[in-house]
Amino acid sequence: MLTFCMATLTVRNVPSAVHAALRTKAAKNGRSVEAELREIIAAASLGGAKVKPMDPDKAFAKVRAQIRKAHAGKMPTGVVDSFLRERRREWGEEE
């Protein structure tokens, strides 16, 4: 199993017949067209290897670790409140 970060692709000029066939295939597989495309691209590019989505708990743990590293080992508190206070001051809406 492979785990990876997600990227975004844009595909232009898809013929209507191809799009319709893709919609039909996605519906048969109980997926959205986008999810169906992800499966097709993964199978074609990875030689049939299954792509494992990143576990959300592991992803959040990784982000938290990066935040702690940037803030001397602690999670910052009051960040949103400080941000809102700054914006209110800038906009002349002090409390």
Protein backbone atom coordinates (compact mmCIF):
# COMPACT_ATOMS: atom_id res chain seq x y z
CA MET A 1 0.00 0.00 0.00
CA LEU A 2 1.17 3.51 -0.82
CA THR A 3 0.38 6.63 1.17
CA PHE A 4 0.83 10.07 -0.33
CA CYS A 5 -0.21 13.68 -0.07
CA MET A 6 -2.94 14.77 -2.44
CA ALA A 7 -2.40 16.89 -5.54
CA THR A 8 -4.93 18.55 -7.85
CA LEU A 9 -5.20 17.92 -11.57
CA THR A 10 -7.30 19.67 -14.19
CA VAL A 11 -8.25 17.80 -17.35
CA ARG A 12 -9.59 19.89 -20.22
CA ASN A 13 -11.26 19.04 -23.51
CA VAL A 14 -12.73 15.70 -22.44
CA PRO A 15 -15.09 14.52 -25.20
CA SER A 16 -18.74 14.37 -24.16
CA ALA A 17 -18.97 10.65 -24.94
CA VAL A 18 -15.98 9.92 -22.69
CA HIS A 19 -17.46 12.00 -19.87
CA ALA A 20 -20.83 10.24 -20.21
CA ALA A 21 -19.15 6.80 -20.14
CA LEU A 22 -17.15 7.84 -17.11
CA ARG A 23 -20.30 9.03 -15.30
CA THR A 24 -21.97 5.70 -16.06
CA LYS A 25 -18.97 3.71 -14.82
CA ALA A 26 -18.75 5.81 -11.66
CA ALA A 27 -22.46 5.30 -10.94
CA LYS A 28 -22.13 1.53 -11.40
CA ASN A 29 -19.26 1.53 -8.90
CA GLY A 30 -21.13 3.76 -6.44
CA ARG A 31 -18.58 6.57 -6.74
CA SER A 32 -18.47 10.15 -7.93
CA VAL A 33 -16.84 10.87 -11.29
CA GLU A 34 -13.90 12.39 -9.41
CA ALA A 35 -13.46 9.29 -7.22
CA GLU A 36 -13.72 7.06 -10.29
CA LEU A 37 -11.02 9.08 -12.04
CA ARG A 38 -8.75 8.76 -9.00
CA GLU A 39 -9.12 4.97 -9.12
CA ILE A 40 -8.46 4.84 -12.87
CA ILE A 41 -5.41 7.10 -12.66
CA ALA A 42 -3.98 5.18 -9.69
CA ALA A 43 -4.44 1.82 -11.40
CA ALA A 44 -2.91 3.08 -14.64
CA SER A 45 0.06 4.84 -13.09
CA LEU A 46 0.87 2.50 -10.20
CA GLY A 47 0.50 -0.77 -12.04
CA GLY A 48 -2.52 -1.88 -10.03
CA ALA A 49 -1.09 -1.01 -6.59
CA LYS A 50 -3.82 0.15 -4.26
CA VAL A 51 -3.60 3.75 -3.04
CA LYS A 52 -4.25 4.07 0.67
CA PRO A 53 -5.72 7.43 1.71
CA MET A 54 -3.88 9.14 4.55
CA ASP A 55 -5.37 8.34 7.95
CA PRO A 56 -6.88 11.61 9.27
CA ASP A 57 -5.62 10.97 12.83
CA LYS A 58 -2.07 10.48 11.57
CA ALA A 59 -2.36 13.56 9.34
CA PHE A 60 -3.55 15.74 12.24
CA ALA A 61 -0.82 14.32 14.51
CA LYS A 62 1.76 15.26 11.89
CA VAL A 63 0.39 18.82 11.64
CA ARG A 64 0.28 19.15 15.45
CA ALA A 65 3.92 18.02 15.66
CA GLN A 66 4.92 20.66 13.12
CA ILE A 67 3.03 23.35 15.06
CA ARG A 68 4.66 22.29 18.34
CA LYS A 69 8.07 22.37 16.67
CA ALA A 70 7.41 25.93 15.47
CA HIS A 71 6.25 27.02 18.97
CA ALA A 72 9.00 25.68 21.25
CA GLY A 73 7.27 22.35 21.89
CA LYS A 74 3.89 23.76 22.93
CA MET A 75 0.58 24.18 21.17
CA PRO A 76 -0.27 27.87 20.91
CA THR A 77 -3.45 29.03 22.61
CA GLY A 78 -5.61 32.02 21.92
CA VAL A 79 -4.41 32.30 18.31
CA VAL A 80 -7.86 32.88 16.86
CA ASP A 81 -8.80 35.37 19.57
CA SER A 82 -5.57 37.31 19.01
CA PHE A 83 -6.14 37.32 15.27
CA LEU A 84 -9.70 38.62 15.64
CA ARG A 85 -8.59 41.35 18.09
CA GLU A 86 -5.95 42.50 15.59
CA ARG A 87 -8.46 42.62 12.75
CA ARG A 88 -11.03 44.50 14.83
CA ARG A 89 -8.38 47.08 15.72
CA GLU A 90 -7.40 47.43 12.06
CA TRP A 91 -11.01 47.89 11.03
CA GLY A 92 -11.74 50.34 13.85
CA GLU A 93 -14.11 47.94 15.59
CA GLU A 94 -12.29 47.56 18.92
CA GLU A 95 -14.33 45.93 21.64
